[in-house]
Amino acid sequence: MPRYFFDVRAGGPEFDDTGTELSGPDDARQKAKRLLPDIARENIPEEGDHHTFAVMVKDENGHPVYSATLTFAGLRLPR
């Protein structure tokens, strides 16, 4: 089974050195789509109302196969 690596940017870059065995690029895409909301939920900064979270999925040869971003944007409204 091929191995895919999920490099995440949620403030600073975090590189996946272990990877995950998945059946193919479609499964890697689905995993990335589930991963981003979890990362955002845990990493939305207390200060500031704008943040972008990103994941780059690479195959065993280091070739990118999928990229996704999720943007948090908050706006404080007057009373």
PDB file of N, CA and C in Angstrom:
ATOM      1  N   MET A   1       0.842  -1.175   0.000  1.00  0.00           N
ATOM      2  CA  MET A   1       0.000   0.000   0.000  1.00  0.00           C
ATOM      3  C   MET A   1       0.892   1.245   0.000  1.00  0.00           C
ATOM      4  N   PRO A   2       0.564   2.252  -0.815  1.00  0.00           N
ATOM      5  CA  PRO A   2       1.397   3.455  -0.864  1.00  0.00           C
ATOM      6  C   PRO A   2       1.290   4.286   0.412  1.00  0.00           C
ATOM      7  N   ARG A   3       2.339   5.028   0.671  1.00  0.00           N
ATOM      8  CA  ARG A   3       2.401   5.902   1.856  1.00  0.00           C
ATOM      9  C   ARG A   3       2.301   7.357   1.399  1.00  0.00           C
ATOM     10  N   TYR A   4       1.502   8.138   2.134  1.00  0.00           N
ATOM     11  CA  TYR A   4       1.308   9.552   1.844  1.00  0.00           C
ATOM     12  C   TYR A   4       1.712  10.375   3.054  1.00  0.00           C
ATOM     13  N   PHE A   5       2.259  11.548   2.775  1.00  0.00           N
ATOM     14  CA  PHE A   5       2.773  12.434   3.820  1.00  0.00           C
ATOM     15  C   PHE A   5       1.952  13.722   3.816  1.00  0.00           C
ATOM     16  N   PHE A   6       1.558  14.152   5.012  1.00  0.00           N
ATOM     17  CA  PHE A   6       0.668  15.298   5.175  1.00  0.00           C
ATOM     18  C   PHE A   6       1.421  16.424   5.881  1.00  0.00           C
ATOM     19  N   ASP A   7       1.955  17.345   5.097  1.00  0.00           N
ATOM     20  CA  ASP A   7       2.655  18.506   5.654  1.00  0.00           C
ATOM     21  C   ASP A   7       1.618  19.589   5.941  1.00  0.00           C
ATOM     22  N   VAL A   8       1.642  20.106   7.162  1.00  0.00           N
ATOM     23  CA  VAL A   8       0.612  21.029   7.622  1.00  0.00           C
ATOM     24  C   VAL A   8       1.222  22.387   7.921  1.00  0.00           C
ATOM     25  N   ARG A   9       0.477  23.432   7.593  1.00  0.00           N
ATOM     26  CA  ARG A   9       0.861  24.788   7.977  1.00  0.00           C
ATOM     27  C   ARG A   9      -0.302  25.362   8.777  1.00  0.00           C
ATOM     28  N   ALA A  10      -0.039  25.543  10.072  1.00  0.00           N
ATOM     29  CA  ALA A  10      -1.042  26.123  10.983  1.00  0.00           C
ATOM     30  C   ALA A  10      -0.300  27.072  11.909  1.00  0.00           C
ATOM     31  N   GLY A  11       0.258  28.106  11.358  1.00  0.00           N
ATOM     32  CA  GLY A  11       1.141  29.010  12.093  1.00  0.00           C
ATOM     33  C   GLY A  11       2.541  28.849  11.549  1.00  0.00           C
ATOM     34  N   GLY A  12       3.143  27.715  11.819  1.00  0.00           N
ATOM     35  CA  GLY A  12       4.445  27.377  11.263  1.00  0.00           C
ATOM     36  C   GLY A  12       4.329  26.040  10.557  1.00  0.00           C
ATOM     37  N   PRO A  13       5.276  25.723   9.693  1.00  0.00           N
ATOM     38  CA  PRO A  13       5.185  24.449   8.981  1.00  0.00           C
ATOM     39  C   PRO A  13       5.481  23.262   9.892  1.00  0.00           C
ATOM     40  N   GLU A  14       4.724  22.194   9.691  1.00  0.00           N
ATOM     41  CA  GLU A  14       4.956  20.929  10.372  1.00  0.00           C
ATOM     42  C   GLU A  14       5.065  19.863   9.287  1.00  0.00           C
ATOM     43  N   PHE A  15       6.224  19.218   9.227  1.00  0.00           N
ATOM     44  CA  PHE A  15       6.462  18.233   8.186  1.00  0.00           C
ATOM     45  C   PHE A  15       6.214  16.829   8.711  1.00  0.00           C
ATOM     46  N   ASP A  16       5.482  16.058   7.930  1.00  0.00           N
ATOM     47  CA  ASP A  16       5.144  14.676   8.271  1.00  0.00           C
ATOM     48  C   ASP A  16       6.290  13.778   7.812  1.00  0.00           C
ATOM     49  N   ASP A  17       7.042  13.247   8.765  1.00  0.00           N
ATOM     50  CA  ASP A  17       8.164  12.364   8.444  1.00  0.00           C
ATOM     51  C   ASP A  17       7.773  10.892   8.454  1.00  0.00           C
ATOM     52  N   THR A  18       6.584  10.590   8.976  1.00  0.00           N
ATOM     53  CA  THR A  18       6.144   9.199   9.123  1.00  0.00           C
ATOM     54  C   THR A  18       5.251   8.761   7.980  1.00  0.00           C
ATOM     55  N   GLY A  19       4.284   9.582   7.646  1.00  0.00           N
ATOM     56  CA  GLY A  19       3.338   9.244   6.590  1.00  0.00           C
ATOM     57  C   GLY A  19       2.279   8.267   7.055  1.00  0.00           C
ATOM     58  N   THR A  20       1.337   8.018   6.168  1.00  0.00           N
ATOM     59  CA  THR A  20       0.215   7.117   6.434  1.00  0.00           C
ATOM     60  C   THR A  20       0.002   6.244   5.215  1.00  0.00           C
ATOM     61  N   GLU A  21      -0.152   4.957   5.433  1.00  0.00           N
ATOM     62  CA  GLU A  21      -0.448   4.057   4.327  1.00  0.00           C
ATOM     63  C   GLU A  21      -1.924   4.164   3.980  1.00  0.00           C
ATOM     64  N   LEU A  22      -2.182   4.433   2.702  1.00  0.00           N
ATOM     65  CA  LEU A  22      -3.554   4.563   2.208  1.00  0.00           C
ATOM     66  C   LEU A  22      -3.649   3.854   0.867  1.00  0.00           C
ATOM     67  N   SER A  23      -4.867   3.569   0.439  1.00  0.00           N
ATOM     68  CA  SER A  23      -5.034   2.793  -0.792  1.00  0.00           C
ATOM     69  C   SER A  23      -4.700   3.575  -2.059  1.00  0.00           C
ATOM     70  N   GLY A  24      -4.735   4.910  -1.987  1.00  0.00           N
ATOM     71  CA  GLY A  24      -4.405   5.690  -3.173  1.00  0.00           C
ATOM     72  C   GLY A  24      -4.649   7.166  -2.955  1.00  0.00           C
ATOM     73  N   PRO A  25      -4.481   7.970  -4.012  1.00  0.00           N
ATOM     74  CA  PRO A  25      -4.609   9.422  -3.882  1.00  0.00           C
ATOM     75  C   PRO A  25      -6.012   9.883  -3.478  1.00  0.00           C
ATOM     76  N   ASP A  26      -7.040   9.153  -3.859  1.00  0.00           N
ATOM     77  CA  ASP A  26      -8.393   9.547  -3.451  1.00  0.00           C
ATOM     78  C   ASP A  26      -8.570   9.437  -1.939  1.00  0.00           C
ATOM     79  N   ASP A  27      -8.019   8.395  -1.341  1.00  0.00           N
ATOM     80  CA  ASP A  27      -8.075   8.260   0.126  1.00  0.00           C
ATOM     81  C   ASP A  27      -7.235   9.344   0.799  1.00  0.00           C
ATOM     82  N   ALA A  28      -6.096   9.694   0.200  1.00  0.00           N
ATOM     83  CA  ALA A  28      -5.249  10.760   0.749  1.00  0.00           C
ATOM     84  C   ALA A  28      -6.007  12.086   0.710  1.00  0.00           C
ATOM     85  N   ARG A  29      -6.718  12.333  -0.361  1.00  0.00           N
ATOM     86  CA  ARG A  29      -7.533  13.544  -0.478  1.00  0.00           C
ATOM     87  C   ARG A  29      -8.593  13.589   0.615  1.00  0.00           C
ATOM     88  N   GLN A  30      -9.286  12.497   0.819  1.00  0.00           N
ATOM     89  CA  GLN A  30     -10.323  12.450   1.852  1.00  0.00           C
ATOM     90  C   GLN A  30      -9.735  12.670   3.242  1.00  0.00           C
ATOM     91  N   LYS A  31      -8.572  12.079   3.501  1.00  0.00           N
ATOM     92  CA  LYS A  31      -7.931  12.261   4.807  1.00  0.00           C
ATOM     93  C   LYS A  31      -7.551  13.726   5.011  1.00  0.00           C
ATOM     94  N   ALA A  32      -7.026  14.374   3.990  1.00  0.00           N
ATOM     95  CA  ALA A  32      -6.653  15.789   4.089  1.00  0.00           C
ATOM     96  C   ALA A  32      -7.882  16.649   4.369  1.00  0.00           C
ATOM     97  N   LYS A  33      -8.995  16.337   3.718  1.00  0.00           N
ATOM     98  CA  LYS A  33     -10.224  17.110   3.916  1.00  0.00           C
ATOM     99  C   LYS A  33     -10.763  16.955   5.338  1.00  0.00           C
ATOM    100  N   ARG A  34     -10.574  15.802   5.941  1.00  0.00           N
ATOM    101  CA  ARG A  34     -11.002  15.594   7.334  1.00  0.00           C
ATOM    102  C   ARG A  34     -10.000  16.207   8.314  1.00  0.00           C
ATOM    103  N   LEU A  35      -8.737  16.241   7.932  1.00  0.00           N
ATOM    104  CA  LEU A  35      -7.672  16.729   8.807  1.00  0.00           C
ATOM    105  C   LEU A  35      -7.745  18.240   9.040  1.00  0.00           C
ATOM    106  N   LEU A  36      -8.012  19.010   8.002  1.00  0.00           N
ATOM    107  CA  LEU A  36      -7.987  20.464   8.125  1.00  0.00           C
ATOM    108  C   LEU A  36      -8.951  21.032   9.170  1.00  0.00           C
ATOM    109  N   PRO A  37     -10.216  20.630   9.209  1.00  0.00           N
ATOM    110  CA  PRO A  37     -11.096  21.172  10.259  1.00  0.00           C
ATOM    111  C   PRO A  37     -10.620  20.827  11.666  1.00  0.00           C
ATOM    112  N   ASP A  38     -10.065  19.634  11.853  1.00  0.00           N
ATOM    113  CA  ASP A  38      -9.544  19.245  13.169  1.00  0.00           C
ATOM    114  C   ASP A  38      -8.370  20.144  13.566  1.00  0.00           C
ATOM    115  N   ILE A  39      -7.489  20.400  12.622  1.00  0.00           N
ATOM    116  CA  ILE A  39      -6.337  21.268  12.894  1.00  0.00           C
ATOM    117  C   ILE A  39      -6.814  22.681  13.226  1.00  0.00           C
ATOM    118  N   ALA A  40      -7.760  23.192  12.453  1.00  0.00           N
ATOM    119  CA  ALA A  40      -8.272  24.543  12.694  1.00  0.00           C
ATOM    120  C   ALA A  40      -8.925  24.636  14.071  1.00  0.00           C
ATOM    121  N   ARG A  41      -9.697  23.634  14.436  1.00  0.00           N
ATOM    122  CA  ARG A  41     -10.390  23.640  15.729  1.00  0.00           C
ATOM    123  C   ARG A  41      -9.394  23.744  16.882  1.00  0.00           C
ATOM    124  N   GLU A  42      -8.256  23.120  16.737  1.00  0.00           N
ATOM    125  CA  GLU A  42      -7.253  23.100  17.803  1.00  0.00           C
ATOM    126  C   GLU A  42      -6.302  24.291  17.750  1.00  0.00           C
ATOM    127  N   ASN A  43      -6.254  25.004  16.630  1.00  0.00           N
ATOM    128  CA  ASN A  43      -5.205  26.010  16.454  1.00  0.00           C
ATOM    129  C   ASN A  43      -5.674  27.416  16.117  1.00  0.00           C
ATOM    130  N   ILE A  44      -6.968  27.694  16.193  1.00  0.00           N
ATOM    131  CA  ILE A  44      -7.408  29.072  15.956  1.00  0.00           C
ATOM    132  C   ILE A  44      -6.830  29.920  17.078  1.00  0.00           C
ATOM    133  N   PRO A  45      -6.065  30.945  16.740  1.00  0.00           N
ATOM    134  CA  PRO A  45      -5.412  31.753  17.768  1.00  0.00           C
ATOM    135  C   PRO A  45      -6.423  32.509  18.638  1.00  0.00           C
ATOM    136  N   GLU A  46      -6.076  32.647  19.905  1.00  0.00           N
ATOM    137  CA  GLU A  46      -6.904  33.421  20.831  1.00  0.00           C
ATOM    138  C   GLU A  46      -6.961  34.881  20.384  1.00  0.00           C
ATOM    139  N   GLU A  47      -5.835  35.404  19.979  1.00  0.00           N
ATOM    140  CA  GLU A  47      -5.757  36.785  19.500  1.00  0.00           C
ATOM    141  C   GLU A  47      -5.797  36.762  17.976  1.00  0.00           C
ATOM    142  N   GLY A  48      -6.493  37.668  17.410  1.00  0.00           N
ATOM    143  CA  GLY A  48      -6.563  37.747  15.954  1.00  0.00           C
ATOM    144  C   GLY A  48      -7.765  36.994  15.423  1.00  0.00           C
ATOM    145  N   ASP A  49      -8.285  37.469  14.329  1.00  0.00           N
ATOM    146  CA  ASP A  49      -9.489  36.893  13.757  1.00  0.00           C
ATOM    147  C   ASP A  49      -9.306  36.391  12.335  1.00  0.00           C
ATOM    148  N   HIS A  50      -8.062  36.249  11.911  1.00  0.00           N
ATOM    149  CA  HIS A  50      -7.804  35.748  10.566  1.00  0.00           C
ATOM    150  C   HIS A  50      -6.655  34.745  10.625  1.00  0.00           C
ATOM    151  N   HIS A  51      -6.901  33.593  10.041  1.00  0.00           N
ATOM    152  CA  HIS A  51      -5.851  32.579  10.022  1.00  0.00           C
ATOM    153  C   HIS A  51      -6.129  31.602   8.878  1.00  0.00           C
ATOM    154  N   THR A  52      -5.080  31.167   8.209  1.00  0.00           N
ATOM    155  CA  THR A  52      -5.204  30.188   7.139  1.00  0.00           C
ATOM    156  C   THR A  52      -4.459  28.921   7.528  1.00  0.00           C
ATOM    157  N   PHE A  53      -5.112  27.807   7.329  1.00  0.00           N
ATOM    158  CA  PHE A  53      -4.549  26.488   7.605  1.00  0.00           C
ATOM    159  C   PHE A  53      -4.401  25.771   6.269  1.00  0.00           C
ATOM    160  N   ALA A  54      -3.300  25.059   6.092  1.00  0.00           N
ATOM    161  CA  ALA A  54      -3.056  24.398   4.816  1.00  0.00           C
ATOM    162  C   ALA A  54      -2.452  23.022   5.032  1.00  0.00           C
ATOM    163  N   VAL A  55      -2.729  22.141   4.087  1.00  0.00           N
ATOM    164  CA  VAL A  55      -2.106  20.816   4.082  1.00  0.00           C
ATOM    165  C   VAL A  55      -1.648  20.515   2.657  1.00  0.00           C
ATOM    166  N   MET A  56      -0.434  19.971   2.564  1.00  0.00           N
ATOM    167  CA  MET A  56       0.112  19.518   1.286  1.00  0.00           C
ATOM    168  C   MET A  56       0.352  18.018   1.423  1.00  0.00           C
ATOM    169  N   VAL A  57      -0.272  17.252   0.554  1.00  0.00           N
ATOM    170  CA  VAL A  57      -0.114  15.799   0.574  1.00  0.00           C
ATOM    171  C   VAL A  57       0.896  15.420  -0.492  1.00  0.00           C
ATOM    172  N   LYS A  58       1.880  14.621  -0.085  1.00  0.00           N
ATOM    173  CA  LYS A  58       2.904  14.153  -1.025  1.00  0.00           C
ATOM    174  C   LYS A  58       2.930  12.632  -1.032  1.00  0.00           C
ATOM    175  N   ASP A  59       3.315  12.076  -2.164  1.00  0.00           N
ATOM    176  CA  ASP A  59       3.441  10.622  -2.251  1.00  0.00           C
ATOM    177  C   ASP A  59       4.810  10.178  -1.746  1.00  0.00           C
ATOM    178  N   GLU A  60       5.083   8.891  -1.854  1.00  0.00           N
ATOM    179  CA  GLU A  60       6.337   8.326  -1.343  1.00  0.00           C
ATOM    180  C   GLU A  60       7.582   8.920  -1.998  1.00  0.00           C
ATOM    181  N   ASN A  61       7.414   9.450  -3.200  1.00  0.00           N
ATOM    182  CA  ASN A  61       8.537  10.034  -3.931  1.00  0.00           C
ATOM    183  C   ASN A  61       8.668  11.536  -3.700  1.00  0.00           C
ATOM    184  N   GLY A  62       7.837  12.076  -2.811  1.00  0.00           N
ATOM    185  CA  GLY A  62       7.888  13.494  -2.509  1.00  0.00           C
ATOM    186  C   GLY A  62       7.136  14.377  -3.492  1.00  0.00           C
ATOM    187  N   HIS A  63       6.373  13.753  -4.393  1.00  0.00           N
ATOM    188  CA  HIS A  63       5.599  14.527  -5.370  1.00  0.00           C
ATOM    189  C   HIS A  63       4.263  14.949  -4.764  1.00  0.00           C
ATOM    190  N   PRO A  64       3.906  16.222  -4.887  1.00  0.00           N
ATOM    191  CA  PRO A  64       2.612  16.668  -4.377  1.00  0.00           C
ATOM    192  C   PRO A  64       1.466  16.005  -5.146  1.00  0.00           C
ATOM    193  N   VAL A  65       0.451  15.544  -4.396  1.00  0.00           N
ATOM    194  CA  VAL A  65      -0.717  14.931  -5.030  1.00  0.00           C
ATOM    195  C   VAL A  65      -2.007  15.661  -4.675  1.00  0.00           C
ATOM    196  N   TYR A  66      -1.975  16.495  -3.622  1.00  0.00           N
ATOM    197  CA  TYR A  66      -3.177  17.233  -3.222  1.00  0.00           C
ATOM    198  C   TYR A  66      -2.773  18.363  -2.294  1.00  0.00           C
ATOM    199  N   SER A  67      -3.458  19.479  -2.443  1.00  0.00           N
ATOM    200  CA  SER A  67      -3.223  20.627  -1.581  1.00  0.00           C
ATOM    201  C   SER A  67      -4.579  21.221  -1.219  1.00  0.00           C
ATOM    202  N   ALA A  68      -4.726  21.632   0.043  1.00  0.00           N
ATOM    203  CA  ALA A  68      -5.980  22.242   0.471  1.00  0.00           C
ATOM    204  C   ALA A  68      -5.695  23.311   1.516  1.00  0.00           C
ATOM    205  N   THR A  69      -6.545  24.338   1.536  1.00  0.00           N
ATOM    206  CA  THR A  69      -6.453  25.373   2.555  1.00  0.00           C
ATOM    207  C   THR A  69      -7.838  25.596   3.155  1.00  0.00           C
ATOM    208  N   LEU A  70      -7.815  26.028   4.398  1.00  0.00           N
ATOM    209  CA  LEU A  70      -9.034  26.381   5.120  1.00  0.00           C
ATOM    210  C   LEU A  70      -8.757  27.712   5.794  1.00  0.00           C
ATOM    211  N   THR A  71      -9.620  28.685   5.586  1.00  0.00           N
ATOM    212  CA  THR A  71      -9.402  30.016   6.126  1.00  0.00           C
ATOM    213  C   THR A  71     -10.441  30.323   7.192  1.00  0.00           C
ATOM    214  N   PHE A  72      -9.947  30.815   8.335  1.00  0.00           N
ATOM    215  CA  PHE A  72     -10.817  31.310   9.398  1.00  0.00           C
ATOM    216  C   PHE A  72     -10.781  32.822   9.334  1.00  0.00           C
ATOM    217  N   ALA A  73     -11.954  33.437   9.289  1.00  0.00           N
ATOM    218  CA  ALA A  73     -12.043  34.900   9.297  1.00  0.00           C
ATOM    219  C   ALA A  73     -13.185  35.292  10.214  1.00  0.00           C
ATOM    220  N   GLY A  74     -12.834  36.024  11.263  1.00  0.00           N
ATOM    221  CA  GLY A  74     -13.832  36.500  12.203  1.00  0.00           C
ATOM    222  C   GLY A  74     -13.938  38.014  12.140  1.00  0.00           C
ATOM    223  N   LEU A  75     -15.095  38.520  12.492  1.00  0.00           N
ATOM    224  CA  LEU A  75     -15.311  39.952  12.480  1.00  0.00           C
ATOM    225  C   LEU A  75     -16.130  40.324  13.711  1.00  0.00           C
ATOM    226  N   ARG A  76     -15.538  41.146  14.573  1.00  0.00           N
ATOM    227  CA  ARG A  76     -16.249  41.616  15.748  1.00  0.00           C
ATOM    228  C   ARG A  76     -17.264  42.675  15.314  1.00  0.00           C
ATOM    229  N   LEU A  77     -18.521  42.479  15.683  1.00  0.00           N
ATOM    230  CA  LEU A  77     -19.587  43.386  15.268  1.00  0.00           C
ATOM    231  C   LEU A  77     -19.934  44.342  16.396  1.00  0.00           C
ATOM    232  N   PRO A  78     -20.259  45.575  16.025  1.00  0.00           N
ATOM    233  CA  PRO A  78     -20.656  46.538  17.067  1.00  0.00           C
ATOM    234  C   PRO A  78     -22.007  46.157  17.654  1.00  0.00           C
ATOM    235  N   ARG A  79     -22.203  46.557  18.875  1.00  0.00           N
ATOM    236  CA  ARG A  79     -23.485  46.262  19.544  1.00  0.00           C
ATOM    237  C   ARG A  79     -24.529  47.254  19.151  1.00  0.00           C
TER     238      ARG A  79
END
